[in-house]
Amino acid sequence: MVFLFTVVCGFTGCDPDNYYDGEEETYLLCRQGWVFYFTTMEGIECEQTIWFNRNGSGEERFVYFYPGRTVTDEFRFFWSWDLDYYDVIYMEYPDFFIYFDKIRISETRLNGYLDQEWVEFIPY
């Protein structure tokens, strides 16, 4: 019984060669801008673009397509992986913060819950 316990613990131990540091997720997140198209509750078409930089800064732009005109809002923020979990991003704006939670990143998709709303970004 002791031998079996030792063997099982040996197989489930931490291997320093397999340390998970989020480098791939950071690379995929920061290598390009991300865009999400949606319609507001008022029926206005919108384009949301977000850029994450490796230095922890970021930029977000909303372009609203009103009939006959467009309106652009831009915001800067700082971001970090939340407590080193590579599926949650903490985004700090000058007056507030939000979480980008349960994210999945690939070369062609970035999706998850951005401030509790489901979003699916594609490369910009």
N, C-alpha and C. Protein backbone atom coordinates (compact mmCIF):
# COMPACT_ATOMS: atom_id res chain seq x y z
N MET A 1 0.82 -1.19 0.00
CA MET A 1 0.00 0.00 0.00
C MET A 1 0.87 1.26 0.00
N VAL A 2 1.90 1.29 0.83
CA VAL A 2 2.81 2.44 0.88
C VAL A 2 3.51 2.59 -0.46
N PHE A 3 3.93 1.48 -1.05
CA PHE A 3 4.59 1.52 -2.36
C PHE A 3 3.66 2.11 -3.42
N LEU A 4 2.40 1.68 -3.44
CA LEU A 4 1.43 2.18 -4.40
C LEU A 4 1.21 3.68 -4.21
N PHE A 5 1.10 4.13 -2.97
CA PHE A 5 0.93 5.55 -2.67
C PHE A 5 2.14 6.35 -3.18
N THR A 6 3.33 5.84 -2.98
CA THR A 6 4.55 6.52 -3.42
C THR A 6 4.58 6.62 -4.95
N VAL A 7 4.19 5.58 -5.63
CA VAL A 7 4.18 5.59 -7.09
C VAL A 7 3.17 6.59 -7.61
N VAL A 8 1.96 6.59 -7.05
CA VAL A 8 0.91 7.53 -7.50
C VAL A 8 1.35 8.96 -7.25
N CYS A 9 1.91 9.27 -6.11
CA CYS A 9 2.37 10.63 -5.82
C CYS A 9 3.51 11.04 -6.75
N GLY A 10 4.34 10.11 -7.10
CA GLY A 10 5.44 10.38 -8.02
C GLY A 10 4.95 10.79 -9.39
N PHE A 11 3.87 10.17 -9.85
CA PHE A 11 3.33 10.50 -11.17
C PHE A 11 2.57 11.81 -11.19
N THR A 12 2.07 12.25 -10.06
CA THR A 12 1.30 13.49 -10.03
C THR A 12 2.10 14.67 -9.51
N GLY A 13 3.37 14.49 -9.23
CA GLY A 13 4.20 15.57 -8.72
C GLY A 13 4.46 16.64 -9.76
N CYS A 14 4.95 17.78 -9.30
CA CYS A 14 5.24 18.89 -10.20
C CYS A 14 6.57 18.67 -10.87
N ASP A 15 6.60 18.88 -12.17
CA ASP A 15 7.82 18.75 -12.94
C ASP A 15 8.25 20.15 -13.36
N PRO A 16 9.41 20.61 -12.91
CA PRO A 16 9.83 21.97 -13.24
C PRO A 16 9.99 22.20 -14.74
N ASP A 17 10.20 21.15 -15.53
CA ASP A 17 10.33 21.31 -16.96
C ASP A 17 9.00 21.66 -17.62
N ASN A 18 7.89 21.38 -16.95
CA ASN A 18 6.58 21.67 -17.51
C ASN A 18 5.94 22.90 -16.87
N TYR A 19 6.74 23.81 -16.35
CA TYR A 19 6.22 25.01 -15.70
C TYR A 19 5.40 25.83 -16.69
N TYR A 20 4.22 26.22 -16.30
CA TYR A 20 3.27 26.93 -17.15
C TYR A 20 3.37 28.41 -16.85
N ASP A 21 3.91 29.20 -17.79
CA ASP A 21 4.16 30.61 -17.50
C ASP A 21 3.31 31.58 -18.31
N GLY A 22 2.41 31.10 -19.16
CA GLY A 22 1.54 31.98 -19.92
C GLY A 22 2.20 32.68 -21.09
N GLU A 23 3.41 32.31 -21.42
CA GLU A 23 4.14 32.97 -22.50
C GLU A 23 3.42 32.82 -23.84
N GLU A 24 2.89 31.64 -24.13
CA GLU A 24 2.18 31.44 -25.39
C GLU A 24 0.90 32.29 -25.44
N GLU A 25 0.16 32.34 -24.33
CA GLU A 25 -1.06 33.13 -24.28
C GLU A 25 -0.75 34.62 -24.47
N THR A 26 0.31 35.09 -23.82
CA THR A 26 0.70 36.49 -23.96
C THR A 26 1.11 36.79 -25.40
N TYR A 27 1.86 35.90 -26.01
CA TYR A 27 2.26 36.08 -27.40
C TYR A 27 1.03 36.18 -28.31
N LEU A 28 0.09 35.24 -28.17
CA LEU A 28 -1.11 35.25 -29.01
C LEU A 28 -1.95 36.49 -28.77
N LEU A 29 -2.06 36.93 -27.52
CA LEU A 29 -2.86 38.09 -27.17
C LEU A 29 -2.28 39.37 -27.76
N CYS A 30 -0.96 39.50 -27.73
CA CYS A 30 -0.31 40.77 -28.07
C CYS A 30 0.19 40.86 -29.51
N ARG A 31 0.11 39.82 -30.26
CA ARG A 31 0.71 39.83 -31.60
C ARG A 31 -0.10 40.62 -32.61
N GLN A 32 -1.35 40.94 -32.30
CA GLN A 32 -2.22 41.64 -33.25
C GLN A 32 -3.36 42.32 -32.49
N GLY A 33 -4.05 43.21 -33.17
CA GLY A 33 -5.27 43.78 -32.61
C GLY A 33 -6.42 42.80 -32.79
N TRP A 34 -7.48 43.02 -32.02
CA TRP A 34 -8.65 42.15 -32.05
C TRP A 34 -9.89 42.99 -32.26
N VAL A 35 -10.80 42.53 -33.11
CA VAL A 35 -12.01 43.30 -33.41
C VAL A 35 -13.26 42.45 -33.17
N PHE A 36 -14.30 43.12 -32.68
CA PHE A 36 -15.59 42.48 -32.38
C PHE A 36 -16.67 43.39 -32.93
N TYR A 37 -17.58 42.84 -33.72
CA TYR A 37 -18.68 43.59 -34.30
C TYR A 37 -19.96 43.24 -33.56
N PHE A 38 -20.73 44.26 -33.21
CA PHE A 38 -21.98 44.00 -32.50
C PHE A 38 -22.97 45.14 -32.76
N THR A 39 -24.19 44.94 -32.34
CA THR A 39 -25.24 45.95 -32.43
C THR A 39 -25.64 46.34 -31.01
N THR A 40 -25.69 47.64 -30.75
CA THR A 40 -26.06 48.11 -29.41
C THR A 40 -27.54 47.85 -29.16
N MET A 41 -27.96 48.02 -27.92
CA MET A 41 -29.37 47.85 -27.57
C MET A 41 -30.26 48.86 -28.31
N GLU A 42 -29.67 49.98 -28.73
CA GLU A 42 -30.41 51.00 -29.48
C GLU A 42 -30.44 50.70 -30.98
N GLY A 43 -29.82 49.61 -31.40
CA GLY A 43 -29.81 49.22 -32.81
C GLY A 43 -28.69 49.83 -33.64
N ILE A 44 -27.67 50.38 -32.99
CA ILE A 44 -26.53 51.00 -33.69
C ILE A 44 -25.44 49.95 -33.89
N GLU A 45 -24.96 49.83 -35.15
CA GLU A 45 -23.85 48.93 -35.44
C GLU A 45 -22.57 49.50 -34.81
N CYS A 46 -21.73 48.61 -34.27
CA CYS A 46 -20.52 49.05 -33.58
C CYS A 46 -19.36 48.11 -33.88
N GLU A 47 -18.18 48.69 -33.94
CA GLU A 47 -16.93 47.94 -34.10
C GLU A 47 -16.07 48.24 -32.88
N GLN A 48 -15.74 47.21 -32.12
CA GLN A 48 -14.88 47.36 -30.94
C GLN A 48 -13.54 46.72 -31.27
N THR A 49 -12.48 47.50 -31.17
CA THR A 49 -11.13 47.00 -31.44
C THR A 49 -10.31 47.17 -30.18
N ILE A 50 -9.50 46.15 -29.90
CA ILE A 50 -8.71 46.17 -28.67
C ILE A 50 -7.29 45.71 -28.99
N TRP A 51 -6.32 46.40 -28.41
CA TRP A 51 -4.91 46.04 -28.57
C TRP A 51 -4.30 45.85 -27.19
N PHE A 52 -3.62 44.74 -27.00
CA PHE A 52 -2.88 44.45 -25.77
C PHE A 52 -1.40 44.51 -26.11
N ASN A 53 -0.63 45.25 -25.32
CA ASN A 53 0.82 45.34 -25.53
C ASN A 53 1.54 44.53 -24.46
N ARG A 54 2.69 43.99 -24.83
CA ARG A 54 3.45 43.14 -23.90
C ARG A 54 3.89 43.90 -22.64
N ASN A 55 3.98 45.23 -22.72
CA ASN A 55 4.41 46.00 -21.55
C ASN A 55 3.27 46.25 -20.56
N GLY A 56 2.07 45.68 -20.82
CA GLY A 56 0.96 45.83 -19.90
C GLY A 56 0.03 46.98 -20.22
N SER A 57 0.32 47.73 -21.28
CA SER A 57 -0.59 48.80 -21.69
C SER A 57 -1.55 48.26 -22.75
N GLY A 58 -2.61 48.99 -22.98
CA GLY A 58 -3.56 48.59 -23.99
C GLY A 58 -4.39 49.75 -24.46
N GLU A 59 -5.10 49.53 -25.56
CA GLU A 59 -5.95 50.56 -26.12
C GLU A 59 -7.22 49.91 -26.64
N GLU A 60 -8.33 50.59 -26.45
CA GLU A 60 -9.62 50.09 -26.90
C GLU A 60 -10.32 51.20 -27.69
N ARG A 61 -10.92 50.83 -28.82
CA ARG A 61 -11.60 51.81 -29.66
C ARG A 61 -12.99 51.28 -30.03
N PHE A 62 -13.97 52.14 -29.89
CA PHE A 62 -15.33 51.83 -30.32
C PHE A 62 -15.67 52.78 -31.46
N VAL A 63 -16.17 52.24 -32.56
CA VAL A 63 -16.65 53.04 -33.68
C VAL A 63 -18.13 52.73 -33.83
N TYR A 64 -18.97 53.76 -33.64
CA TYR A 64 -20.42 53.62 -33.76
C TYR A 64 -20.85 54.15 -35.12
N PHE A 65 -21.60 53.35 -35.85
CA PHE A 65 -22.03 53.70 -37.20
C PHE A 65 -23.48 54.16 -37.18
N TYR A 66 -23.66 55.45 -36.93
CA TYR A 66 -24.98 56.07 -36.96
C TYR A 66 -25.34 56.37 -38.41
N PRO A 67 -26.60 56.49 -38.72
CA PRO A 67 -26.98 56.86 -40.10
C PRO A 67 -26.35 58.21 -40.49
N GLY A 68 -25.52 58.20 -41.50
CA GLY A 68 -24.91 59.43 -42.00
C GLY A 68 -23.67 59.92 -41.27
N ARG A 69 -23.25 59.24 -40.19
CA ARG A 69 -22.04 59.68 -39.47
C ARG A 69 -21.50 58.54 -38.62
N THR A 70 -20.26 58.68 -38.22
CA THR A 70 -19.66 57.73 -37.28
C THR A 70 -19.12 58.49 -36.08
N VAL A 71 -19.11 57.83 -34.95
CA VAL A 71 -18.58 58.40 -33.72
C VAL A 71 -17.55 57.41 -33.17
N THR A 72 -16.38 57.92 -32.79
CA THR A 72 -15.31 57.07 -32.28
C THR A 72 -14.99 57.45 -30.84
N ASP A 73 -14.90 56.45 -29.97
CA ASP A 73 -14.45 56.63 -28.59
C ASP A 73 -13.21 55.78 -28.39
N GLU A 74 -12.18 56.35 -27.80
CA GLU A 74 -10.94 55.62 -27.54
C GLU A 74 -10.59 55.67 -26.06
N PHE A 75 -10.07 54.55 -25.57
CA PHE A 75 -9.70 54.43 -24.16
C PHE A 75 -8.35 53.74 -24.04
N ARG A 76 -7.59 54.14 -23.06
CA ARG A 76 -6.32 53.47 -22.73
C ARG A 76 -6.51 52.74 -21.41
N PHE A 77 -5.79 51.65 -21.25
CA PHE A 77 -5.89 50.86 -20.03
C PHE A 77 -4.58 50.15 -19.78
N PHE A 78 -4.44 49.59 -18.58
CA PHE A 78 -3.34 48.70 -18.23
C PHE A 78 -3.94 47.33 -17.97
N TRP A 79 -3.23 46.30 -18.35
CA TRP A 79 -3.76 44.96 -18.20
C TRP A 79 -2.71 44.03 -17.58
N SER A 80 -3.20 42.96 -16.99
CA SER A 80 -2.32 41.89 -16.49
C SER A 80 -3.14 40.62 -16.38
N TRP A 81 -2.44 39.51 -16.42
CA TRP A 81 -3.11 38.24 -16.15
C TRP A 81 -3.49 38.27 -14.68
N ASP A 82 -4.69 37.89 -14.35
CA ASP A 82 -5.17 37.94 -12.98
C ASP A 82 -4.61 36.77 -12.18
N LEU A 83 -3.74 37.08 -11.25
CA LEU A 83 -3.14 36.08 -10.36
C LEU A 83 -2.50 34.92 -11.11
N ASP A 84 -1.94 35.21 -12.28
CA ASP A 84 -1.27 34.21 -13.10
C ASP A 84 -2.18 33.09 -13.59
N TYR A 85 -3.46 33.34 -13.67
CA TYR A 85 -4.37 32.42 -14.34
C TYR A 85 -4.48 32.92 -15.76
N TYR A 86 -4.13 32.10 -16.72
CA TYR A 86 -4.05 32.56 -18.09
C TYR A 86 -5.36 32.41 -18.84
N ASP A 87 -6.47 32.55 -18.11
CA ASP A 87 -7.78 32.66 -18.75
C ASP A 87 -8.58 33.82 -18.16
N VAL A 88 -7.90 34.68 -17.38
CA VAL A 88 -8.54 35.87 -16.81
C VAL A 88 -7.57 37.05 -16.95
N ILE A 89 -8.08 38.13 -17.51
CA ILE A 89 -7.29 39.35 -17.65
C ILE A 89 -7.96 40.46 -16.84
N TYR A 90 -7.16 41.15 -16.06
CA TYR A 90 -7.59 42.31 -15.29
C TYR A 90 -7.25 43.54 -16.13
N MET A 91 -8.24 44.39 -16.42
CA MET A 91 -8.04 45.58 -17.24
C MET A 91 -8.38 46.82 -16.41
N GLU A 92 -7.39 47.68 -16.19
CA GLU A 92 -7.57 48.86 -15.36
C GLU A 92 -7.58 50.12 -16.23
N TYR A 93 -8.71 50.80 -16.22
CA TYR A 93 -8.89 52.07 -16.92
C TYR A 93 -8.70 53.19 -15.90
N PRO A 94 -8.62 54.46 -16.34
CA PRO A 94 -8.40 55.54 -15.36
C PRO A 94 -9.43 55.60 -14.24
N ASP A 95 -10.71 55.31 -14.53
CA ASP A 95 -11.75 55.47 -13.51
C ASP A 95 -12.42 54.18 -13.07
N PHE A 96 -12.05 53.05 -13.66
CA PHE A 96 -12.71 51.79 -13.32
C PHE A 96 -11.85 50.63 -13.79
N PHE A 97 -12.26 49.41 -13.46
CA PHE A 97 -11.58 48.23 -13.95
C PHE A 97 -12.62 47.20 -14.36
N ILE A 98 -12.20 46.29 -15.24
CA ILE A 98 -13.06 45.19 -15.66
C ILE A 98 -12.23 43.92 -15.78
N TYR A 99 -12.91 42.79 -15.81
CA TYR A 99 -12.27 41.50 -16.04
C TYR A 99 -12.67 40.97 -17.40
N PHE A 100 -11.73 40.33 -18.06
CA PHE A 100 -11.98 39.55 -19.27
C PHE A 100 -11.79 38.11 -18.82
N ASP A 101 -12.88 37.40 -18.61
CA ASP A 101 -12.88 36.13 -17.89
C ASP A 101 -13.17 34.95 -18.83
N LYS A 102 -12.62 33.81 -18.45
CA LYS A 102 -12.83 32.55 -19.18
C LYS A 102 -12.45 32.70 -20.65
N ILE A 103 -11.34 33.39 -20.89
CA ILE A 103 -10.94 33.64 -22.26
C ILE A 103 -10.26 32.42 -22.87
N ARG A 104 -10.40 32.33 -24.16
CA ARG A 104 -9.72 31.33 -24.98
C ARG A 104 -9.06 32.10 -26.12
N ILE A 105 -7.79 31.82 -26.33
CA ILE A 105 -7.02 32.54 -27.35
C ILE A 105 -6.46 31.54 -28.34
N SER A 106 -6.59 31.87 -29.61
CA SER A 106 -5.90 31.14 -30.66
C SER A 106 -5.43 32.19 -31.67
N GLU A 107 -4.84 31.76 -32.75
CA GLU A 107 -4.40 32.72 -33.75
C GLU A 107 -5.57 33.39 -34.45
N THR A 108 -6.75 32.77 -34.41
CA THR A 108 -7.90 33.30 -35.14
C THR A 108 -9.08 33.71 -34.26
N ARG A 109 -8.98 33.54 -32.95
CA ARG A 109 -10.10 33.87 -32.06
C ARG A 109 -9.59 34.30 -30.69
N LEU A 110 -10.34 35.24 -30.11
CA LEU A 110 -10.17 35.64 -28.72
C LEU A 110 -11.58 35.80 -28.19
N ASN A 111 -12.00 34.91 -27.30
CA ASN A 111 -13.36 35.03 -26.79
C ASN A 111 -13.41 34.79 -25.30
N GLY A 112 -14.53 35.18 -24.71
CA GLY A 112 -14.74 35.04 -23.29
C GLY A 112 -15.76 36.06 -22.82
N TYR A 113 -15.78 36.30 -21.52
CA TYR A 113 -16.71 37.25 -20.92
C TYR A 113 -15.97 38.53 -20.58
N LEU A 114 -16.21 39.57 -21.36
CA LEU A 114 -15.62 40.87 -21.13
C LEU A 114 -16.62 41.69 -20.33
N ASP A 115 -16.28 41.96 -19.08
CA ASP A 115 -17.18 42.66 -18.16
C ASP A 115 -18.56 41.98 -18.13
N GLN A 116 -18.53 40.66 -18.05
CA GLN A 116 -19.70 39.78 -17.91
C GLN A 116 -20.54 39.66 -19.18
N GLU A 117 -20.06 40.17 -20.32
CA GLU A 117 -20.76 40.02 -21.60
C GLU A 117 -19.92 39.13 -22.50
N TRP A 118 -20.56 38.12 -23.13
CA TRP A 118 -19.84 37.22 -24.03
C TRP A 118 -19.42 37.99 -25.28
N VAL A 119 -18.13 37.88 -25.64
CA VAL A 119 -17.59 38.52 -26.84
C VAL A 119 -16.76 37.50 -27.59
N GLU A 120 -16.67 37.71 -28.89
CA GLU A 120 -15.81 36.86 -29.72
C GLU A 120 -15.09 37.75 -30.73
N PHE A 121 -13.83 38.02 -30.44
CA PHE A 121 -13.00 38.87 -31.29
C PHE A 121 -12.30 38.02 -32.36
N ILE A 122 -12.02 38.66 -33.49
CA ILE A 122 -11.22 38.06 -34.54
C ILE A 122 -10.03 38.99 -34.79
N PRO A 123 -8.99 38.53 -35.47
CA PRO A 123 -7.84 39.40 -35.72
C PRO A 123 -8.25 40.65 -36.50
N TYR A 124 -7.64 41.78 -36.14
CA TYR A 124 -7.94 43.06 -36.77
C TYR A 124 -7.13 43.20 -38.03
